[in-house]
C-alpha atoms as a PDB file:
ATOM      1  CA  MET A   1     102.731  90.719 110.984  1.00  0.00           C
ATOM      2  CA  ALA A   2     103.970  94.183 110.017  1.00  0.00           C
ATOM      3  CA  GLY A   3     102.418  93.713 106.573  1.00  0.00           C
ATOM      4  CA  LYS A   4      98.960  92.970 107.987  1.00  0.00           C
ATOM      5  CA  VAL A   5      99.200  95.880 110.398  1.00  0.00           C
ATOM      6  CA  GLY A   6     100.229  98.218 107.590  1.00  0.00           C
ATOM      7  CA  ILE A   7      97.284  97.121 105.447  1.00  0.00           C
ATOM      8  CA  MET A   8      94.857  97.655 108.308  1.00  0.00           C
ATOM      9  CA  ASN A   9      96.233 101.108 109.056  1.00  0.00           C
ATOM     10  CA  ARG A  10      95.862 101.929 105.373  1.00  0.00           C
ATOM     11  CA  ALA A  11      92.226 100.784 105.617  1.00  0.00           C
ATOM     12  CA  ALA A  12      91.732 103.210 108.509  1.00  0.00           C
ATOM     13  CA  ASP A  13      93.157 106.024 106.387  1.00  0.00           C
ATOM     14  CA  LEU A  14      90.821 105.126 103.509  1.00  0.00           C
ATOM     15  CA  ILE A  15      87.802 105.178 105.820  1.00  0.00           C
ATOM     16  CA  ASP A  16      88.825 108.663 106.923  1.00  0.00           C
ATOM     17  CA  GLU A  17      89.169 109.759 103.301  1.00  0.00           C
ATOM     18  CA  ARG A  18      85.808 108.233 102.320  1.00  0.00           C
ATOM     19  CA  LYS A  19      83.833 108.900 105.501  1.00  0.00           C
ATOM     20  CA  PHE A  20      81.236 111.134 103.860  1.00  0.00           C
ATOM     21  CA  GLU A  21      80.619 108.613 101.067  1.00  0.00           C
ATOM     22  CA  ILE A  22      80.335 105.831 103.647  1.00  0.00           C
ATOM     23  CA  ALA A  23      77.988 107.892 105.812  1.00  0.00           C
ATOM     24  CA  VAL A  24      75.726 108.547 102.821  1.00  0.00           C
ATOM     25  CA  ALA A  25      75.399 104.798 102.213  1.00  0.00           C
ATOM     26  CA  ILE A  26      74.548 104.209 105.880  1.00  0.00           C
ATOM     27  CA  THR A  27      71.938 106.974 105.941  1.00  0.00           C
ATOM     28  CA  TYR A  28      70.228 105.863 102.735  1.00  0.00           C
ATOM     29  CA  GLU A  29      70.212 102.165 103.610  1.00  0.00           C
ATOM     30  CA  VAL A  30      69.351 102.072 107.305  1.00  0.00           C
ATOM     31  CA  GLY A  31      68.042 105.586 108.045  1.00  0.00           C
ATOM     32  CA  LYS A  32      70.678 106.846 110.488  1.00  0.00           C
ATOM     33  CA  ASN A  33      70.986 110.575 110.940  1.00  0.00           C
ATOM     34  CA  ARG A  34      74.074 112.338 109.628  1.00  0.00           C
ATOM     35  CA  LEU A  35      75.971 112.418 112.922  1.00  0.00           C
ATOM     36  CA  GLU A  36      75.281 108.774 113.776  1.00  0.00           C
ATOM     37  CA  ALA A  37      76.335 107.662 110.292  1.00  0.00           C
ATOM     38  CA  LEU A  38      79.613 109.568 110.510  1.00  0.00           C
ATOM     39  CA  SER A  39      80.172 108.248 114.021  1.00  0.00           C
ATOM     40  CA  GLU A  40      80.316 104.717 112.627  1.00  0.00           C
ATOM     41  CA  CYS A  41      83.242 105.776 110.452  1.00  0.00           C
ATOM     42  CA  TRP A  42      85.123 107.373 113.339  1.00  0.00           C
ATOM     43  CA  GLU A  43      84.526 104.334 115.537  1.00  0.00           C
ATOM     44  CA  ALA A  44      85.696 102.008 112.758  1.00  0.00           C
ATOM     45  CA  ILE A  45      88.928 103.993 112.413  1.00  0.00           C
ATOM     46  CA  ASP A  46      89.549 103.847 116.174  1.00  0.00           C
ATOM     47  CA  ALA A  47      88.885 100.097 116.247  1.00  0.00           C
ATOM     48  CA  ILE A  48      91.302  99.349 113.415  1.00  0.00           C
ATOM     49  CA  LYS A  49      94.089 101.432 114.929  1.00  0.00           C
ATOM     50  CA  PHE A  50      93.542  99.902 118.370  1.00  0.00           C
ATOM     51  CA  TYR A  51      93.594  96.329 117.037  1.00  0.00           C
ATOM     52  CA  ALA A  52      96.703  97.077 114.986  1.00  0.00           C
ATOM     53  CA  LYS A  53      98.420  98.593 118.043  1.00  0.00           C
ATOM     54  CA  ILE A  54      97.656  95.499 120.135  1.00  0.00           C
ATOM     55  CA  MET A  55      98.952  93.264 117.349  1.00  0.00           C
ATOM     56  CA  LEU A  56     102.311  95.058 117.423  1.00  0.00           C
ATOM     57  CA  GLU A  57     102.495  95.184 121.199  1.00  0.00           C
ATOM     58  CA  LYS A  58     101.810  91.452 121.488  1.00  0.00           C
ATOM     59  CA  ASN A  59     104.258  90.577 118.715  1.00  0.00           C
ATOM     60  CA  GLY A  60     101.583  88.885 116.662  1.00  0.00           C
ATOM     61  CA  TYR A  61     100.124  87.178 119.714  1.00  0.00           C
ATOM     62  CA  ILE A  62     103.383  85.449 120.594  1.00  0.00           C
ATOM     63  CA  GLN A  63     103.915  85.755 124.338  1.00  0.00           C
ATOM     64  CA  ARG A  64     106.767  84.411 126.407  1.00  0.00           C
ATOM     65  CA  MET A  65     105.913  82.641 129.658  1.00  0.00           C
ATOM     66  CA  ASP A  66     107.868  81.944 132.805  1.00  0.00           C
ATOM     67  CA  GLY A  67     109.457  78.511 132.825  1.00  0.00           C
ATOM     68  CA  SER A  68     109.661  76.192 135.803  1.00  0.00           C
ATOM     69  CA  GLY A  69     113.448  75.877 135.568  1.00  0.00           C
ATOM     70  CA  PRO A  70     116.498  77.872 134.432  1.00  0.00           C
ATOM     71  CA  GLU A  71     116.931  75.934 131.181  1.00  0.00           C
ATOM     72  CA  GLU A  72     113.320  76.064 130.104  1.00  0.00           C
ATOM     73  CA  ASP A  73     111.873  78.519 127.602  1.00  0.00           C
ATOM     74  CA  TYR A  74     108.124  78.750 127.093  1.00  0.00           C
ATOM     75  CA  LYS A  75     106.008  80.807 124.763  1.00  0.00           C
ATOM     76  CA  VAL A  76     102.363  80.859 123.730  1.00  0.00           C
ATOM     77  CA  VAL A  77     101.697  81.219 120.016  1.00  0.00           C
ATOM     78  CA  SER A  78      98.210  82.017 118.738  1.00  0.00           C
ATOM     79  CA  LYS A  79      97.692  80.768 115.191  1.00  0.00           C
ATOM     80  CA  PRO A  80      94.943  81.372 112.586  1.00  0.00           C
ATOM     81  CA  PHE A  81      91.934  79.083 112.451  1.00  0.00           C
ATOM     82  CA  GLY A  82      90.998  79.414 108.771  1.00  0.00           C
ATOM     83  CA  VAL A  83      87.841  80.678 107.062  1.00  0.00           C
ATOM     84  CA  TRP A  84      85.509  82.887 109.112  1.00  0.00           C
ATOM     85  CA  PRO A  85      82.074  84.035 107.936  1.00  0.00           C
ATOM     86  CA  VAL A  86      81.351  87.481 109.395  1.00  0.00           C
ATOM     87  CA  ILE A  87      77.600  88.102 109.725  1.00  0.00           C
ATOM     88  CA  SER A  88      76.749  91.710 110.558  1.00  0.00           C
ATOM     89  CA  PRO A  89      73.508  93.468 111.631  1.00  0.00           C
ATOM     90  CA  PHE A  90      71.564  96.416 110.251  1.00  0.00           C
ATOM     91  CA  ASN A  91      71.920  98.782 113.207  1.00  0.00           C
ATOM     92  CA  PHE A  92      75.688  99.282 112.845  1.00  0.00           C
ATOM     93  CA  PRO A  93      76.174  98.010 109.283  1.00  0.00           C
ATOM     94  CA  PHE A  94      79.657  99.467 108.851  1.00  0.00           C
ATOM     95  CA  MET A  95      81.292  99.480 112.268  1.00  0.00           C
ATOM     96  CA  LEU A  96      80.251  96.037 113.479  1.00  0.00           C
ATOM     97  CA  ALA A  97      81.086  94.363 110.178  1.00  0.00           C
ATOM     98  CA  ASN A  98      84.431  96.157 110.304  1.00  0.00           C
ATOM     99  CA  GLY A  99      85.129  95.175 113.905  1.00  0.00           C
ATOM    100  CA  MET A 100      84.533  91.471 113.352  1.00  0.00           C
ATOM    101  CA  ALA A 101      86.409  91.411 110.034  1.00  0.00           C
ATOM    102  CA  ILE A 102      89.561  93.167 111.251  1.00  0.00           C
ATOM    103  CA  GLY A 103      89.886  90.810 114.206  1.00  0.00           C
ATOM    104  CA  ALA A 104      89.848  87.833 111.866  1.00  0.00           C
ATOM    105  CA  LEU A 105      92.088  89.375 109.207  1.00  0.00           C
ATOM    106  CA  LEU A 106      94.746  90.694 111.584  1.00  0.00           C
ATOM    107  CA  SER A 107      95.101  87.294 113.212  1.00  0.00           C
ATOM    108  CA  GLY A 108      95.683  85.655 109.829  1.00  0.00           C
ATOM    109  CA  ASN A 109      92.262  84.236 109.019  1.00  0.00           C
ATOM    110  CA  THR A 110      90.264  84.711 105.828  1.00  0.00           C
ATOM    111  CA  VAL A 111      86.834  86.336 105.889  1.00  0.00           C
ATOM    112  CA  ILE A 112      83.514  85.803 104.135  1.00  0.00           C
ATOM    113  CA  LEU A 113      81.777  89.131 104.664  1.00  0.00           C
ATOM    114  CA  LYS A 114      78.004  88.631 104.810  1.00  0.00           C
ATOM    115  CA  PRO A 115      76.307  91.963 105.564  1.00  0.00           C
ATOM    116  CA  THR A 116      72.708  92.221 106.631  1.00  0.00           C
ATOM    117  CA  SER A 117      70.208  92.022 103.785  1.00  0.00           C
ATOM    118  CA  GLU A 118      69.003  95.516 104.757  1.00  0.00           C
ATOM    119  CA  ALA A 119      72.403  97.103 104.056  1.00  0.00           C
ATOM    120  CA  PRO A 120      74.287  95.274 101.295  1.00  0.00           C
ATOM    121  CA  LEU A 121      75.713  98.503  99.835  1.00  0.00           C
ATOM    122  CA  THR A 122      77.343  99.522 103.114  1.00  0.00           C
ATOM    123  CA  GLY A 123      78.893  96.064 103.310  1.00  0.00           C
ATOM    124  CA  LEU A 124      80.200  96.420  99.770  1.00  0.00           C
ATOM    125  CA  VAL A 125      81.704  99.821 100.611  1.00  0.00           C
ATOM    126  CA  LEU A 126      83.573  98.208 103.537  1.00  0.00           C
ATOM    127  CA  TYR A 127      84.730  95.336 101.318  1.00  0.00           C
ATOM    128  CA  ASN A 128      86.133  97.831  98.806  1.00  0.00           C
ATOM    129  CA  VAL A 129      87.990  99.646 101.585  1.00  0.00           C
ATOM    130  CA  PHE A 130      89.766  96.435 102.562  1.00  0.00           C
ATOM    131  CA  LYS A 131      90.535  95.500  98.960  1.00  0.00           C
ATOM    132  CA  ASP A 132      91.866  98.962  98.132  1.00  0.00           C
ATOM    133  CA  ALA A 133      93.957  98.925 101.309  1.00  0.00           C
ATOM    134  CA  GLY A 134      95.773  95.839 100.063  1.00  0.00           C
ATOM    135  CA  VAL A 135      94.027  92.825 101.597  1.00  0.00           C
ATOM    136  CA  PRO A 136      95.124  89.973  99.292  1.00  0.00           C
ATOM    137  CA  GLU A 137      92.784  88.414  96.752  1.00  0.00           C
ATOM    138  CA  GLY A 138      90.715  85.711  98.417  1.00  0.00           C
ATOM    139  CA  ALA A 139      91.523  86.796 101.970  1.00  0.00           C
ATOM    140  CA  ILE A 140      88.255  88.715 102.125  1.00  0.00           C
ATOM    141  CA  ASN A 141      85.166  87.777 100.136  1.00  0.00           C
ATOM    142  CA  TYR A 142      81.796  89.498  99.848  1.00  0.00           C
ATOM    143  CA  VAL A 143      78.435  87.726  99.600  1.00  0.00           C
ATOM    144  CA  THR A 144      74.916  89.045  99.971  1.00  0.00           C
ATOM    145  CA  GLY A 145      71.418  87.640  99.976  1.00  0.00           C
ATOM    146  CA  PRO A 146      68.880  86.089 102.370  1.00  0.00           C
ATOM    147  CA  GLY A 147      70.527  85.378 105.695  1.00  0.00           C
ATOM    148  CA  GLN A 148      68.794  82.043 106.213  1.00  0.00           C
ATOM    149  CA  ASN A 149      70.315  80.517 103.083  1.00  0.00           C
ATOM    150  CA  PHE A 150      73.844  81.571 103.964  1.00  0.00           C
ATOM    151  CA  GLY A 151      73.426  80.619 107.612  1.00  0.00           C
ATOM    152  CA  ALA A 152      72.579  77.050 106.635  1.00  0.00           C
ATOM    153  CA  GLU A 153      75.717  76.835 104.504  1.00  0.00           C
ATOM    154  CA  PHE A 154      77.983  78.418 107.087  1.00  0.00           C
ATOM    155  CA  VAL A 155      77.008  76.073 109.913  1.00  0.00           C
ATOM    156  CA  SER A 156      77.242  72.888 107.821  1.00  0.00           C
ATOM    157  CA  ASN A 157      80.265  73.531 105.586  1.00  0.00           C
ATOM    158  CA  ARG A 158      83.262  71.610 106.958  1.00  0.00           C
ATOM    159  CA  ASP A 159      85.681  74.206 105.557  1.00  0.00           C
ATOM    160  CA  VAL A 160      84.308  76.879 107.890  1.00  0.00           C
ATOM    161  CA  ALA A 161      86.687  77.284 110.833  1.00  0.00           C
ATOM    162  CA  GLY A 162      84.610  79.672 112.944  1.00  0.00           C
ATOM    163  CA  ILE A 163      81.755  82.156 112.782  1.00  0.00           C
ATOM    164  CA  ALA A 164      81.512  85.761 113.985  1.00  0.00           C
ATOM    165  CA  PHE A 165      77.930  86.980 114.361  1.00  0.00           C
ATOM    166  CA  THR A 166      76.205  90.090 115.696  1.00  0.00           C
ATOM    167  CA  GLY A 167      72.429  90.158 115.736  1.00  0.00           C
ATOM    168  CA  SER A 168      69.371  88.893 117.547  1.00  0.00           C
ATOM    169  CA  LYS A 169      69.420  86.281 120.288  1.00  0.00           C
ATOM    170  CA  GLU A 170      66.993  84.114 118.307  1.00  0.00           C
ATOM    171  CA  VAL A 171      69.209  83.901 115.218  1.00  0.00           C
ATOM    172  CA  GLY A 172      72.445  83.708 117.198  1.00  0.00           C
ATOM    173  CA  MET A 173      71.283  80.793 119.323  1.00  0.00           C
ATOM    174  CA  ARG A 174      70.003  78.937 116.269  1.00  0.00           C
ATOM    175  CA  LEU A 175      73.371  79.326 114.531  1.00  0.00           C
ATOM    176  CA  TYR A 176      75.149  78.217 117.699  1.00  0.00           C
ATOM    177  CA  ARG A 177      73.108  75.027 118.080  1.00  0.00           C
ATOM    178  CA  GLU A 178      73.387  74.099 114.408  1.00  0.00           C
ATOM    179  CA  PHE A 179      77.116  74.857 114.194  1.00  0.00           C
ATOM    180  CA  LEU A 180      77.712  72.687 117.251  1.00  0.00           C
ATOM    181  CA  THR A 181      75.822  69.696 115.842  1.00  0.00           C
ATOM    182  CA  LYS A 182      76.710  69.882 112.136  1.00  0.00           C
ATOM    183  CA  GLN A 183      80.502  70.141 112.440  1.00  0.00           C
ATOM    184  CA  PRO A 184      82.765  67.127 113.087  1.00  0.00           C
ATOM    185  CA  TYR A 185      84.222  68.734 116.238  1.00  0.00           C
ATOM    186  CA  PRO A 186      83.650  71.910 118.297  1.00  0.00           C
ATOM    187  CA  LYS A 187      84.741  75.076 116.512  1.00  0.00           C
ATOM    188  CA  PRO A 188      84.944  78.659 117.814  1.00  0.00           C
ATOM    189  CA  MET A 189      81.993  80.968 117.496  1.00  0.00           C
ATOM    190  CA  VAL A 190      81.863  84.627 118.521  1.00  0.00           C
ATOM    191  CA  LEU A 191      78.318  85.813 119.233  1.00  0.00           C
ATOM    192  CA  GLU A 192      77.129  89.276 120.177  1.00  0.00           C
ATOM    193  CA  MET A 193      73.380  89.113 120.711  1.00  0.00           C
ATOM    194  CA  GLY A 194      70.736  91.667 121.564  1.00  0.00           C
ATOM    195  CA  SER A 195      70.316  93.221 124.978  1.00  0.00           C
ATOM    196  CA  LYS A 196      69.329  96.517 126.580  1.00  0.00           C
ATOM    197  CA  ASN A 197      70.908  98.703 129.234  1.00  0.00           C
ATOM    198  CA  PRO A 198      69.478 100.710 132.161  1.00  0.00           C
ATOM    199  CA  VAL A 199      70.121 104.328 133.083  1.00  0.00           C
ATOM    200  CA  ILE A 200      70.726 105.106 136.768  1.00  0.00           C
ATOM    201  CA  ILE A 201      70.022 108.674 137.952  1.00  0.00           C
ATOM    202  CA  THR A 202      71.253 109.564 141.451  1.00  0.00           C
ATOM    203  CA  ALA A 203      70.445 112.573 143.602  1.00  0.00           C
ATOM    204  CA  SER A 204      73.864 114.078 142.836  1.00  0.00           C
ATOM    205  CA  ALA A 205      73.382 113.931 139.049  1.00  0.00           C
ATOM    206  CA  ASP A 206      73.288 116.942 136.758  1.00  0.00           C
ATOM    207  CA  ILE A 207      69.612 116.567 135.819  1.00  0.00           C
ATOM    208  CA  ASN A 208      69.820 118.314 132.452  1.00  0.00           C
ATOM    209  CA  LYS A 209      72.814 116.216 131.409  1.00  0.00           C
ATOM    210  CA  ALA A 210      71.063 113.085 132.655  1.00  0.00           C
ATOM    211  CA  ALA A 211      67.977 113.899 130.586  1.00  0.00           C
ATOM    212  CA  GLU A 212      70.109 114.607 127.516  1.00  0.00           C
ATOM    213  CA  GLY A 213      72.030 111.364 127.876  1.00  0.00           C
ATOM    214  CA  THR A 214      68.880 109.356 128.440  1.00  0.00           C
ATOM    215  CA  VAL A 215      67.179 110.788 125.362  1.00  0.00           C
ATOM    216  CA  ARG A 216      70.215 110.136 123.173  1.00  0.00           C
ATOM    217  CA  SER A 217      70.513 106.580 124.468  1.00  0.00           C
ATOM    218  CA  ALA A 218      66.825 105.705 124.345  1.00  0.00           C
ATOM    219  CA  PHE A 219      65.896 107.384 121.063  1.00  0.00           C
ATOM    220  CA  GLY A 220      69.162 107.436 119.128  1.00  0.00           C
ATOM    221  CA  TYR A 221      68.585 105.525 115.883  1.00  0.00           C
ATOM    222  CA  GLY A 222      65.013 104.991 117.024  1.00  0.00           C
ATOM    223  CA  GLY A 223      66.172 102.728 119.857  1.00  0.00           C
ATOM    224  CA  GLN A 224      67.201 100.036 117.352  1.00  0.00           C
ATOM    225  CA  LYS A 225      70.433  99.067 119.093  1.00  0.00           C
ATOM    226  CA  CYS A 226      71.651  97.096 122.081  1.00  0.00           C
ATOM    227  CA  SER A 227      72.885 100.295 123.746  1.00  0.00           C
ATOM    228  CA  ALA A 228      69.392 101.802 123.731  1.00  0.00           C
ATOM    229  CA  ALA A 229      68.146 102.671 127.224  1.00  0.00           C
ATOM    230  CA  SER A 230      64.995 100.708 127.943  1.00  0.00           C
ATOM    231  CA  ARG A 231      64.529 101.421 131.648  1.00  0.00           C
ATOM    232  CA  ILE A 232      65.525 104.148 134.082  1.00  0.00           C
ATOM    233  CA  TYR A 233      66.216 103.919 137.807  1.00  0.00           C
ATOM    234  CA  VAL A 234      65.867 107.335 139.461  1.00  0.00           C
ATOM    235  CA  GLN A 235      66.632 108.156 143.066  1.00  0.00           C
ATOM    236  CA  SER A 236      63.383 109.293 144.694  1.00  0.00           C
ATOM    237  CA  GLU A 237      64.718 112.705 145.725  1.00  0.00           C
ATOM    238  CA  VAL A 238      65.107 113.827 142.096  1.00  0.00           C
ATOM    239  CA  ARG A 239      62.389 111.759 140.456  1.00  0.00           C
ATOM    240  CA  GLU A 240      59.946 114.566 139.633  1.00  0.00           C
ATOM    241  CA  LYS A 241      62.678 116.976 138.581  1.00  0.00           C
ATOM    242  CA  PHE A 242      64.171 114.389 136.251  1.00  0.00           C
ATOM    243  CA  LEU A 243      60.823 113.436 134.707  1.00  0.00           C
ATOM    244  CA  ILE A 244      60.079 117.076 133.906  1.00  0.00           C
ATOM    245  CA  ALA A 245      63.512 117.541 132.298  1.00  0.00           C
ATOM    246  CA  LEU A 246      63.162 114.277 130.376  1.00  0.00           C
ATOM    247  CA  GLN A 247      59.755 115.234 128.997  1.00  0.00           C
ATOM    248  CA  GLU A 248      60.940 118.690 127.963  1.00  0.00           C
ATOM    249  CA  ARG A 249      63.975 117.257 126.179  1.00  0.00           C
ATOM    250  CA  THR A 250      61.966 114.508 124.482  1.00  0.00           C
ATOM    251  CA  GLU A 251      59.502 117.029 123.093  1.00  0.00           C
ATOM    252  CA  LYS A 252      62.381 118.760 121.299  1.00  0.00           C
ATOM    253  CA  ILE A 253      63.303 115.684 119.260  1.00  0.00           C
ATOM    254  CA  VAL A 254      63.042 116.359 115.534  1.00  0.00           C
ATOM    255  CA  THR A 255      61.906 113.400 113.440  1.00  0.00           C
ATOM    256  CA  GLY A 256      61.877 113.144 109.667  1.00  0.00           C
ATOM    257  CA  ASP A 257      64.260 112.651 106.766  1.00  0.00           C
ATOM    258  CA  PRO A 258      67.642 111.671 108.305  1.00  0.00           C
ATOM    259  CA  ARG A 259      69.454 113.410 105.451  1.00  0.00           C
ATOM    260  CA  GLU A 260      68.348 116.755 106.894  1.00  0.00           C
ATOM    261  CA  LYS A 261      70.779 118.395 109.311  1.00  0.00           C
ATOM    262  CA  GLU A 262      68.272 119.144 112.080  1.00  0.00           C
ATOM    263  CA  VAL A 263      66.683 115.670 112.132  1.00  0.00           C
ATOM    264  CA  PHE A 264      67.591 113.477 115.110  1.00  0.00           C
ATOM    265  CA  MET A 265      65.352 110.474 114.472  1.00  0.00           C
ATOM    266  CA  GLY A 266      64.694 108.961 111.063  1.00  0.00           C
ATOM    267  CA  PRO A 267      62.630 105.921 110.044  1.00  0.00           C
ATOM    268  CA  VAL A 268      62.842 102.468 111.570  1.00  0.00           C
ATOM    269  CA  ILE A 269      64.392  99.849 109.334  1.00  0.00           C
ATOM    270  CA  THR A 270      61.429  97.621 108.327  1.00  0.00           C
ATOM    271  CA  LYS A 271      57.679  97.150 108.765  1.00  0.00           C
ATOM    272  CA  SER A 272      58.325  94.337 111.230  1.00  0.00           C
ATOM    273  CA  GLN A 273      60.558  96.611 113.281  1.00  0.00           C
ATOM    274  CA  LEU A 274      57.798  99.226 113.243  1.00  0.00           C
ATOM    275  CA  LYS A 275      55.416  96.662 114.732  1.00  0.00           C
ATOM    276  CA  ASN A 276      57.972  95.796 117.417  1.00  0.00           C
ATOM    277  CA  SER A 277      58.418  99.459 118.246  1.00  0.00           C
ATOM    278  CA  ARG A 278      54.664  99.845 118.654  1.00  0.00           C
ATOM    279  CA  GLY A 279      54.534  96.785 120.870  1.00  0.00           C
ATOM    280  CA  HIS A 280      52.465  94.503 118.642  1.00  0.00           C
END
């Protein structure tokens, strides 16, 4: 256990050392602005250190339970499942791949890292972080290519113990149904699928802060994320005041090349995403 935790903490240190290189890959591949790309690195570091801390606190997921009698000793031991494909999305190509992979690796599983086809380089950068941190040969493996081909293999291969997926509801549900029917018995599957969140503005809100937060949530990374605000509920007393502040703040958004310091919003990821953004 201590060995795995040490390797993961070393991975966190390497991400900190390489954060600007990682951020460059994110910006070039998926069009995130400089701050959002760096934020993925900081979030990845926090996630690794948090997972490693929990691993130590829980003694490798071995927990003692109360017995029903004085001579009884009970404990719950969580053991590895086996091989886990980790399928990550384009909107957080580093952090979400990292988050799913470290959960599997720390608990003793092996990982097949399959990054989104839109960001294979960012996935490779993450793979190299884990390898350089000391993850043993074969414990993490990197593959890239069309998602449909790999998905078919992952759901049908009997050596796959579980699947971790973040992406659209359509793809996630298809993988779920096929994994359930093509395996000899039910196996675990971790799915994080698309959604949207509302913003609630009350009469007691700081209107300027509310407008700033709404703009950052709704238009950060062009709205291409599950945390993007898609609807706003405003208390009637402050409705007009909020709408004025929201419009003024929105008009200040700078769009363009995400490599430029002043740019807040870069390009959307693909032509199909552009059509979705335009509503057709």
